[in-house]
Protein backbone atom coordinates (compact mmCIF):
# COMPACT_ATOMS: atom_id res chain seq x y z
CA MET A 1 0.05 0.08 0.11
CA ASN A 2 1.36 3.33 -1.09
CA LEU A 3 0.70 6.27 1.37
CA THR A 4 1.54 10.00 0.80
CA LYS A 5 3.52 11.86 3.37
CA ASN A 6 0.60 13.41 4.89
CA GLU A 7 -1.22 10.18 5.19
CA ILE A 8 1.72 8.35 6.98
CA GLU A 9 1.83 11.57 9.38
CA VAL A 10 -2.01 10.99 10.06
CA MET A 11 -1.18 7.23 10.81
CA ASP A 12 1.70 8.28 13.00
CA VAL A 13 -0.86 10.17 15.22
CA PHE A 14 -3.17 7.23 15.35
CA TRP A 15 -0.25 4.82 16.14
CA GLY A 16 0.98 7.20 18.82
CA VAL A 17 -2.10 7.38 20.87
CA GLY A 18 -3.13 3.81 20.25
CA ARG A 19 -6.84 4.31 20.40
CA LEU A 20 -9.82 5.62 18.19
CA LEU A 21 -9.75 9.41 17.38
CA SER A 22 -12.27 11.67 16.00
CA ARG A 23 -11.40 14.13 13.29
CA ALA A 24 -11.31 16.87 15.97
CA GLU A 25 -9.11 15.05 18.41
CA LEU A 26 -6.75 14.25 15.50
CA LEU A 27 -6.62 18.07 14.73
CA ASN A 28 -5.94 18.95 18.49
CA LEU A 29 -3.07 16.35 18.56
CA SER A 30 -1.54 17.57 15.41
CA VAL A 31 -0.87 21.33 16.39
CA ASP A 32 2.50 21.25 14.75
CA LYS A 33 0.76 20.47 11.30
CA SER A 34 -0.89 23.02 9.01
CA TRP A 35 -3.78 20.71 8.29
CA GLN A 36 -7.24 22.24 7.94
CA SER A 37 -10.35 20.29 9.01
CA ASN A 38 -11.17 19.63 5.25
CA SER A 39 -7.79 18.31 4.66
CA VAL A 40 -8.17 15.84 7.38
CA HIS A 41 -11.30 14.83 6.10
CA ILE A 42 -9.94 14.20 2.77
CA LEU A 43 -6.80 12.35 4.12
CA LEU A 44 -9.07 10.15 6.46
CA ASN A 45 -11.19 9.13 3.39
CA ASN A 46 -8.32 8.34 1.42
CA LEU A 47 -6.91 6.26 4.14
CA LEU A 48 -10.27 4.40 4.46
CA LYS A 49 -10.47 3.85 0.65
CA LYS A 50 -6.86 2.50 0.74
CA GLY A 51 -7.75 0.08 3.64
CA ALA A 52 -5.30 1.65 6.10
CA LEU A 53 -8.14 2.65 8.42
CA ARG A 54 -11.55 1.28 8.96
CA GLU A 55 -14.51 2.98 10.47
CA ALA A 56 -15.20 1.90 14.15
CA CYS A 57 -18.25 4.05 14.78
CA LEU A 58 -19.95 7.13 13.33
CA LEU A 59 -20.52 10.14 15.82
CA TYR A 60 -22.16 13.18 14.84
CA THR A 61 -21.34 16.37 16.55
CA SER A 62 -22.46 20.02 16.53
CA ASP A 63 -20.48 23.10 17.04
CA ALA A 64 -23.73 24.77 18.32
């Protein structure tokens, strides 16, 4: 499986914490990265399509 540099960096965050993460948690743990929320969404979808990640659950949240 070929992963991009950013995809590997996302996977490093998951491997570092060793647990499920939401997109918001991933962003909070990646303060040294310049990722935006939409970028992380795309990266996570790419990792799902490549089989590097799988969905464990869906959680809907609101900023309101």
